[in-house]
Amino acid sequence: ALESGGVIAIPTDTVYGLAASLHRRDALRRI
């Protein structure tokens, strides 16, 4: 999903986060 330019959600030690690849500017804007 990340490599396709998608925004995913991942669990962390605090809360779930929205994650995007640093190589996909379209995904960063989508966040």
PDB file of all heavy atoms in Angstrom:
ATOM      1  N   ALA A   1       0.825  -1.209   0.000  1.00  0.00           N
ATOM      2  CA  ALA A   1       0.000   0.000   0.000  1.00  0.00           C
ATOM      3  C   ALA A   1       0.858   1.259   0.000  1.00  0.00           C
ATOM      4  O   ALA A   1       0.581   2.223  -0.712  1.00  0.00           O
ATOM      5  CB  ALA A   1      -0.944  -0.009   1.195  1.00  0.00           C
ATOM      6  N   LEU A   2       1.922   1.259   0.804  1.00  0.00           N
ATOM      7  CA  LEU A   2       2.810   2.422   0.869  1.00  0.00           C
ATOM      8  C   LEU A   2       3.481   2.678  -0.473  1.00  0.00           C
ATOM      9  O   LEU A   2       3.565   3.816  -0.940  1.00  0.00           O
ATOM     10  CB  LEU A   2       3.864   2.207   1.954  1.00  0.00           C
ATOM     11  CG  LEU A   2       3.399   2.275   3.407  1.00  0.00           C
ATOM     12  CD1 LEU A   2       4.469   1.708   4.327  1.00  0.00           C
ATOM     13  CD2 LEU A   2       3.056   3.700   3.801  1.00  0.00           C
ATOM     14  N   GLU A   3       3.980   1.624  -1.088  1.00  0.00           N
ATOM     15  CA  GLU A   3       4.692   1.776  -2.352  1.00  0.00           C
ATOM     16  C   GLU A   3       3.761   2.221  -3.477  1.00  0.00           C
ATOM     17  O   GLU A   3       4.204   2.805  -4.471  1.00  0.00           O
ATOM     18  CB  GLU A   3       5.386   0.465  -2.714  1.00  0.00           C
ATOM     19  CG  GLU A   3       6.552   0.134  -1.786  1.00  0.00           C
ATOM     20  CD  GLU A   3       7.191  -1.211  -2.092  1.00  0.00           C
ATOM     21  OE1 GLU A   3       6.542  -2.015  -2.807  1.00  0.00           O
ATOM     22  OE2 GLU A   3       8.311  -1.447  -1.612  1.00  0.00           O
ATOM     23  N   SER A   4       2.448   1.942  -3.314  1.00  0.00           N
ATOM     24  CA  SER A   4       1.459   2.358  -4.309  1.00  0.00           C
ATOM     25  C   SER A   4       0.964   3.786  -4.073  1.00  0.00           C
ATOM     26  O   SER A   4       0.078   4.256  -4.790  1.00  0.00           O
ATOM     27  CB  SER A   4       0.268   1.388  -4.288  1.00  0.00           C
ATOM     28  OG  SER A   4       0.682   0.073  -4.611  1.00  0.00           O
ATOM     29  N   GLY A   5       1.516   4.443  -3.063  1.00  0.00           N
ATOM     30  CA  GLY A   5       1.107   5.816  -2.767  1.00  0.00           C
ATOM     31  C   GLY A   5      -0.061   5.913  -1.820  1.00  0.00           C
ATOM     32  O   GLY A   5      -0.682   6.974  -1.703  1.00  0.00           O
ATOM     33  N   GLY A   6      -0.356   4.832  -1.118  1.00  0.00           N
ATOM     34  CA  GLY A   6      -1.457   4.860  -0.161  1.00  0.00           C
ATOM     35  C   GLY A   6      -1.025   5.367   1.198  1.00  0.00           C
ATOM     36  O   GLY A   6       0.155   5.336   1.544  1.00  0.00           O
ATOM     37  N   VAL A   7      -1.992   5.842   1.953  1.00  0.00           N
ATOM     38  CA  VAL A   7      -1.793   6.189   3.358  1.00  0.00           C
ATOM     39  C   VAL A   7      -2.331   5.034   4.181  1.00  0.00           C
ATOM     40  O   VAL A   7      -3.466   4.595   3.983  1.00  0.00           O
ATOM     41  CB  VAL A   7      -2.524   7.490   3.728  1.00  0.00           C
ATOM     42  CG1 VAL A   7      -2.437   7.758   5.232  1.00  0.00           C
ATOM     43  CG2 VAL A   7      -1.940   8.666   2.959  1.00  0.00           C
ATOM     44  N   ILE A   8      -1.524   4.505   5.085  1.00  0.00           N
ATOM     45  CA  ILE A   8      -1.939   3.384   5.920  1.00  0.00           C
ATOM     46  C   ILE A   8      -2.031   3.832   7.377  1.00  0.00           C
ATOM     47  O   ILE A   8      -1.598   4.939   7.729  1.00  0.00           O
ATOM     48  CB  ILE A   8      -0.967   2.195   5.791  1.00  0.00           C
ATOM     49  CG1 ILE A   8       0.394   2.533   6.426  1.00  0.00           C
ATOM     50  CG2 ILE A   8      -0.804   1.790   4.320  1.00  0.00           C
ATOM     51  CD1 ILE A   8       1.315   1.322   6.558  1.00  0.00           C
ATOM     52  N   ALA A   9      -2.590   2.988   8.200  1.00  0.00           N
ATOM     53  CA  ALA A   9      -2.623   3.236   9.644  1.00  0.00           C
ATOM     54  C   ALA A   9      -1.841   2.136  10.345  1.00  0.00           C
ATOM     55  O   ALA A   9      -1.972   0.963   9.996  1.00  0.00           O
ATOM     56  CB  ALA A   9      -4.059   3.274  10.164  1.00  0.00           C
ATOM     57  N   ILE A  10      -1.012   2.532  11.311  1.00  0.00           N
ATOM     58  CA  ILE A  10      -0.208   1.574  12.062  1.00  0.00           C
ATOM     59  C   ILE A  10      -0.371   1.824  13.559  1.00  0.00           C
ATOM     60  O   ILE A  10      -0.585   2.951  13.991  1.00  0.00           O
ATOM     61  CB  ILE A  10       1.279   1.653  11.689  1.00  0.00           C
ATOM     62  CG1 ILE A  10       1.865   3.044  12.022  1.00  0.00           C
ATOM     63  CG2 ILE A  10       1.495   1.315  10.218  1.00  0.00           C
ATOM     64  CD1 ILE A  10       3.387   3.129  11.837  1.00  0.00           C
ATOM     65  N   PRO A  11      -0.276   0.770  14.356  1.00  0.00           N
ATOM     66  CA  PRO A  11      -0.300   0.962  15.809  1.00  0.00           C
ATOM     67  C   PRO A  11       1.052   1.462  16.279  1.00  0.00           C
ATOM     68  O   PRO A  11       2.082   1.165  15.672  1.00  0.00           O
ATOM     69  CB  PRO A  11      -0.575  -0.451  16.345  1.00  0.00           C
ATOM     70  CG  PRO A  11       0.073  -1.343  15.320  1.00  0.00           C
ATOM     71  CD  PRO A  11      -0.108  -0.645  13.984  1.00  0.00           C
ATOM     72  N   THR A  12       1.058   2.243  17.346  1.00  0.00           N
ATOM     73  CA  THR A  12       2.315   2.654  17.968  1.00  0.00           C
ATOM     74  C   THR A  12       2.177   2.502  19.474  1.00  0.00           C
ATOM     75  O   THR A  12       1.149   2.053  19.976  1.00  0.00           O
ATOM     76  CB  THR A  12       2.701   4.113  17.638  1.00  0.00           C
ATOM     77  OG1 THR A  12       1.887   5.008  18.395  1.00  0.00           O
ATOM     78  CG2 THR A  12       2.554   4.407  16.150  1.00  0.00           C
ATOM     79  N   ASP A  13       3.207   2.893  20.193  1.00  0.00           N
ATOM     80  CA  ASP A  13       3.172   2.822  21.646  1.00  0.00           C
ATOM     81  C   ASP A  13       2.290   3.907  22.257  1.00  0.00           C
ATOM     82  O   ASP A  13       2.002   3.864  23.455  1.00  0.00           O
ATOM     83  CB  ASP A  13       4.582   2.913  22.231  1.00  0.00           C
ATOM     84  CG  ASP A  13       5.392   4.050  21.636  1.00  0.00           C
ATOM     85  OD1 ASP A  13       5.103   4.469  20.497  1.00  0.00           O
ATOM     86  OD2 ASP A  13       6.328   4.536  22.304  1.00  0.00           O
ATOM     87  N   THR A  14       1.863   4.872  21.456  1.00  0.00           N
ATOM     88  CA  THR A  14       0.961   5.915  21.969  1.00  0.00           C
ATOM     89  C   THR A  14      -0.432   5.730  21.374  1.00  0.00           C
ATOM     90  O   THR A  14      -1.340   5.282  22.055  1.00  0.00           O
ATOM     91  CB  THR A  14       1.510   7.318  21.672  1.00  0.00           C
ATOM     92  OG1 THR A  14       1.782   7.451  20.272  1.00  0.00           O
ATOM     93  CG2 THR A  14       2.792   7.569  22.442  1.00  0.00           C
ATOM     94  N   VAL A  15      -0.615   6.070  20.098  1.00  0.00           N
ATOM     95  CA  VAL A  15      -1.912   5.900  19.434  1.00  0.00           C
ATOM     96  C   VAL A  15      -1.667   5.326  18.041  1.00  0.00           C
ATOM     97  O   VAL A  15      -0.529   5.168  17.609  1.00  0.00           O
ATOM     98  CB  VAL A  15      -2.667   7.246  19.302  1.00  0.00           C
ATOM     99  CG1 VAL A  15      -3.004   7.808  20.674  1.00  0.00           C
ATOM    100  CG2 VAL A  15      -1.853   8.243  18.486  1.00  0.00           C
ATOM    101  N   TYR A  16      -2.746   4.985  17.329  1.00  0.00           N
ATOM    102  CA  TYR A  16      -2.592   4.602  15.927  1.00  0.00           C
ATOM    103  C   TYR A  16      -2.211   5.839  15.121  1.00  0.00           C
ATOM    104  O   TYR A  16      -2.656   6.957  15.421  1.00  0.00           O
ATOM    105  CB  TYR A  16      -3.885   3.997  15.375  1.00  0.00           C
ATOM    106  CG  TYR A  16      -3.957   2.495  15.542  1.00  0.00           C
ATOM    107  CD1 TYR A  16      -4.174   1.929  16.800  1.00  0.00           C
ATOM    108  CD2 TYR A  16      -3.803   1.639  14.455  1.00  0.00           C
ATOM    109  CE1 TYR A  16      -4.229   0.546  16.967  1.00  0.00           C
ATOM    110  CE2 TYR A  16      -3.856   0.262  14.610  1.00  0.00           C
ATOM    111  CZ  TYR A  16      -4.068  -0.284  15.860  1.00  0.00           C
ATOM    112  OH  TYR A  16      -4.115  -1.647  16.030  1.00  0.00           O
ATOM    113  N   GLY A  17      -1.377   5.622  14.105  1.00  0.00           N
ATOM    114  CA  GLY A  17      -0.922   6.739  13.306  1.00  0.00           C
ATOM    115  C   GLY A  17      -1.193   6.532  11.827  1.00  0.00           C
ATOM    116  O   GLY A  17      -1.240   5.398  11.336  1.00  0.00           O
ATOM    117  N   LEU A  18      -1.380   7.633  11.113  1.00  0.00           N
ATOM    118  CA  LEU A  18      -1.447   7.617   9.653  1.00  0.00           C
ATOM    119  C   LEU A  18      -0.029   7.701   9.123  1.00  0.00           C
ATOM    120  O   LEU A  18       0.728   8.598   9.505  1.00  0.00           O
ATOM    121  CB  LEU A  18      -2.259   8.798   9.135  1.00  0.00           C
ATOM    122  CG  LEU A  18      -3.760   8.799   9.442  1.00  0.00           C
ATOM    123  CD1 LEU A  18      -4.389  10.093   8.939  1.00  0.00           C
ATOM    124  CD2 LEU A  18      -4.441   7.594   8.818  1.00  0.00           C
ATOM    125  N   ALA A  19       0.330   6.786   8.235  1.00  0.00           N
ATOM    126  CA  ALA A  19       1.704   6.700   7.749  1.00  0.00           C
ATOM    127  C   ALA A  19       1.749   6.781   6.235  1.00  0.00           C
ATOM    128  O   ALA A  19       0.891   6.224   5.541  1.00  0.00           O
ATOM    129  CB  ALA A  19       2.353   5.404   8.219  1.00  0.00           C
ATOM    130  N   ALA A  20       2.781   7.461   5.731  1.00  0.00           N
ATOM    131  CA  ALA A  20       2.999   7.571   4.288  1.00  0.00           C
ATOM    132  C   ALA A  20       4.477   7.499   3.994  1.00  0.00           C
ATOM    133  O   ALA A  20       5.316   7.897   4.812  1.00  0.00           O
ATOM    134  CB  ALA A  20       2.415   8.884   3.753  1.00  0.00           C
ATOM    135  N   SER A  21       4.799   7.001   2.807  1.00  0.00           N
ATOM    136  CA  SER A  21       6.189   6.930   2.364  1.00  0.00           C
ATOM    137  C   SER A  21       6.741   8.324   2.122  1.00  0.00           C
ATOM    138  O   SER A  21       6.076   9.184   1.538  1.00  0.00           O
ATOM    139  CB  SER A  21       6.280   6.114   1.074  1.00  0.00           C
ATOM    140  OG  SER A  21       7.561   6.233   0.488  1.00  0.00           O
ATOM    141  N   LEU A  22       7.970   8.527   2.521  1.00  0.00           N
ATOM    142  CA  LEU A  22       8.630   9.809   2.274  1.00  0.00           C
ATOM    143  C   LEU A  22       8.957   9.996   0.795  1.00  0.00           C
ATOM    144  O   LEU A  22       9.298  11.100   0.372  1.00  0.00           O
ATOM    145  CB  LEU A  22       9.911   9.901   3.107  1.00  0.00           C
ATOM    146  CG  LEU A  22       9.701   9.935   4.619  1.00  0.00           C
ATOM    147  CD1 LEU A  22      11.034   9.791   5.335  1.00  0.00           C
ATOM    148  CD2 LEU A  22       9.008  11.209   5.045  1.00  0.00           C
ATOM    149  N   HIS A  23       8.846   8.924   0.021  1.00  0.00           N
ATOM    150  CA  HIS A  23       9.131   8.999  -1.406  1.00  0.00           C
ATOM    151  C   HIS A  23       7.876   9.258  -2.243  1.00  0.00           C
ATOM    152  O   HIS A  23       7.966   9.368  -3.467  1.00  0.00           O
ATOM    153  CB  HIS A  23       9.792   7.699  -1.878  1.00  0.00           C
ATOM    154  CG  HIS A  23      11.036   7.353  -1.126  1.00  0.00           C
ATOM    155  ND1 HIS A  23      12.183   8.110  -1.214  1.00  0.00           N
ATOM    156  CD2 HIS A  23      11.298   6.349  -0.254  1.00  0.00           C
ATOM    157  CE1 HIS A  23      13.118   7.574  -0.429  1.00  0.00           C
ATOM    158  NE2 HIS A  23      12.609   6.516   0.156  1.00  0.00           N
ATOM    159  N   ARG A  24       6.712   9.330  -1.570  1.00  0.00           N
ATOM    160  CA  ARG A  24       5.465   9.561  -2.288  1.00  0.00           C
ATOM    161  C   ARG A  24       4.846  10.870  -1.804  1.00  0.00           C
ATOM    162  O   ARG A  24       4.136  10.920  -0.796  1.00  0.00           O
ATOM    163  CB  ARG A  24       4.492   8.394  -2.063  1.00  0.00           C
ATOM    164  CG  ARG A  24       4.952   7.071  -2.655  1.00  0.00           C
ATOM    165  CD  ARG A  24       5.062   7.134  -4.179  1.00  0.00           C
ATOM    166  NE  ARG A  24       3.832   7.511  -4.820  1.00  0.00           N
ATOM    167  CZ  ARG A  24       3.090   6.696  -5.583  1.00  0.00           C
ATOM    168  NH1 ARG A  24       3.474   5.445  -5.790  1.00  0.00           N
ATOM    169  NH2 ARG A  24       1.980   7.143  -6.153  1.00  0.00           N
ATOM    170  N   ARG A  25       5.167  11.944  -2.525  1.00  0.00           N
ATOM    171  CA  ARG A  25       4.658  13.261  -2.144  1.00  0.00           C
ATOM    172  C   ARG A  25       3.141  13.318  -2.227  1.00  0.00           C
ATOM    173  O   ARG A  25       2.498  14.045  -1.446  1.00  0.00           O
ATOM    174  CB  ARG A  25       5.298  14.343  -3.019  1.00  0.00           C
ATOM    175  CG  ARG A  25       6.799  14.494  -2.786  1.00  0.00           C
ATOM    176  CD  ARG A  25       7.427  15.521  -3.717  1.00  0.00           C
ATOM    177  NE  ARG A  25       8.860  15.627  -3.506  1.00  0.00           N
ATOM    178  CZ  ARG A  25       9.431  16.479  -2.667  1.00  0.00           C
ATOM    179  NH1 ARG A  25       8.680  17.303  -1.949  1.00  0.00           N
ATOM    180  NH2 ARG A  25      10.739  16.525  -2.519  1.00  0.00           N
ATOM    181  N   ASP A  26       2.552  12.549  -3.144  1.00  0.00           N
ATOM    182  CA  ASP A  26       1.098  12.517  -3.236  1.00  0.00           C
ATOM    183  C   ASP A  26       0.488  11.942  -1.963  1.00  0.00           C
ATOM    184  O   ASP A  26      -0.542  12.423  -1.474  1.00  0.00           O
ATOM    185  CB  ASP A  26       0.649  11.717  -4.460  1.00  0.00           C
ATOM    186  CG  ASP A  26       1.276  10.318  -4.530  1.00  0.00           C
ATOM    187  OD1 ASP A  26       2.294  10.061  -3.855  1.00  0.00           O
ATOM    188  OD2 ASP A  26       0.737   9.477  -5.286  1.00  0.00           O
ATOM    189  N   ALA A  27       1.123  10.923  -1.399  1.00  0.00           N
ATOM    190  CA  ALA A  27       0.632  10.316  -0.165  1.00  0.00           C
ATOM    191  C   ALA A  27       0.813  11.256   1.030  1.00  0.00           C
ATOM    192  O   ALA A  27      -0.054  11.331   1.908  1.00  0.00           O
ATOM    193  CB  ALA A  27       1.353   8.995   0.092  1.00  0.00           C
ATOM    194  N   LEU A  28       1.934  11.975   1.050  1.00  0.00           N
ATOM    195  CA  LEU A  28       2.159  12.933   2.132  1.00  0.00           C
ATOM    196  C   LEU A  28       1.085  14.015   2.121  1.00  0.00           C
ATOM    197  O   LEU A  28       0.548  14.395   3.172  1.00  0.00           O
ATOM    198  CB  LEU A  28       3.549  13.568   1.998  1.00  0.00           C
ATOM    199  CG  LEU A  28       4.734  12.600   2.163  1.00  0.00           C
ATOM    200  CD1 LEU A  28       6.027  13.294   1.791  1.00  0.00           C
ATOM    201  CD2 LEU A  28       4.804  12.073   3.587  1.00  0.00           C
ATOM    202  N   ARG A  29       0.737  14.494   0.924  1.00  0.00           N
ATOM    203  CA  ARG A  29      -0.330  15.491   0.829  1.00  0.00           C
ATOM    204  C   ARG A  29      -1.678  14.888   1.226  1.00  0.00           C
ATOM    205  O   ARG A  29      -2.524  15.578   1.806  1.00  0.00           O
ATOM    206  CB  ARG A  29      -0.392  16.051  -0.588  1.00  0.00           C
ATOM    207  CG  ARG A  29       0.817  16.907  -0.972  1.00  0.00           C
ATOM    208  CD  ARG A  29       0.597  17.633  -2.285  1.00  0.00           C
ATOM    209  NE  ARG A  29       0.527  16.716  -3.415  1.00  0.00           N
ATOM    210  CZ  ARG A  29       1.577  16.358  -4.153  1.00  0.00           C
ATOM    211  NH1 ARG A  29       2.792  16.822  -3.866  1.00  0.00           N
ATOM    212  NH2 ARG A  29       1.431  15.540  -5.173  1.00  0.00           N
ATOM    213  N   ARG A  30      -1.864  13.609   0.932  1.00  0.00           N
ATOM    214  CA  ARG A  30      -3.141  12.959   1.240  1.00  0.00           C
ATOM    215  C   ARG A  30      -3.372  12.865   2.747  1.00  0.00           C
ATOM    216  O   ARG A  30      -4.517  12.877   3.204  1.00  0.00           O
ATOM    217  CB  ARG A  30      -3.186  11.575   0.592  1.00  0.00           C
ATOM    218  CG  ARG A  30      -4.586  10.954   0.549  1.00  0.00           C
ATOM    219  CD  ARG A  30      -4.596   9.710  -0.325  1.00  0.00           C
ATOM    220  NE  ARG A  30      -4.275  10.028  -1.699  1.00  0.00           N
ATOM    221  CZ  ARG A  30      -3.230   9.532  -2.368  1.00  0.00           C
ATOM    222  NH1 ARG A  30      -2.392   8.699  -1.771  1.00  0.00           N
ATOM    223  NH2 ARG A  30      -3.014   9.879  -3.615  1.00  0.00           N
ATOM    224  N   ILE A  31      -2.297  12.758   3.520  1.00  0.00           N
ATOM    225  CA  ILE A  31      -2.466  12.723   4.977  1.00  0.00           C
ATOM    226  C   ILE A  31      -3.227  13.956   5.456  1.00  0.00           C
ATOM    227  O   ILE A  31      -4.131  13.874   6.278  1.00  0.00           O
ATOM    228  CB  ILE A  31      -1.096  12.623   5.689  1.00  0.00           C
ATOM    229  CG1 ILE A  31      -0.528  11.213   5.555  1.00  0.00           C
ATOM    230  CG2 ILE A  31      -1.236  12.992   7.171  1.00  0.00           C
ATOM    231  CD1 ILE A  31       0.787  11.007   6.277  1.00  0.00           C
TER     232      ILE A  31
END
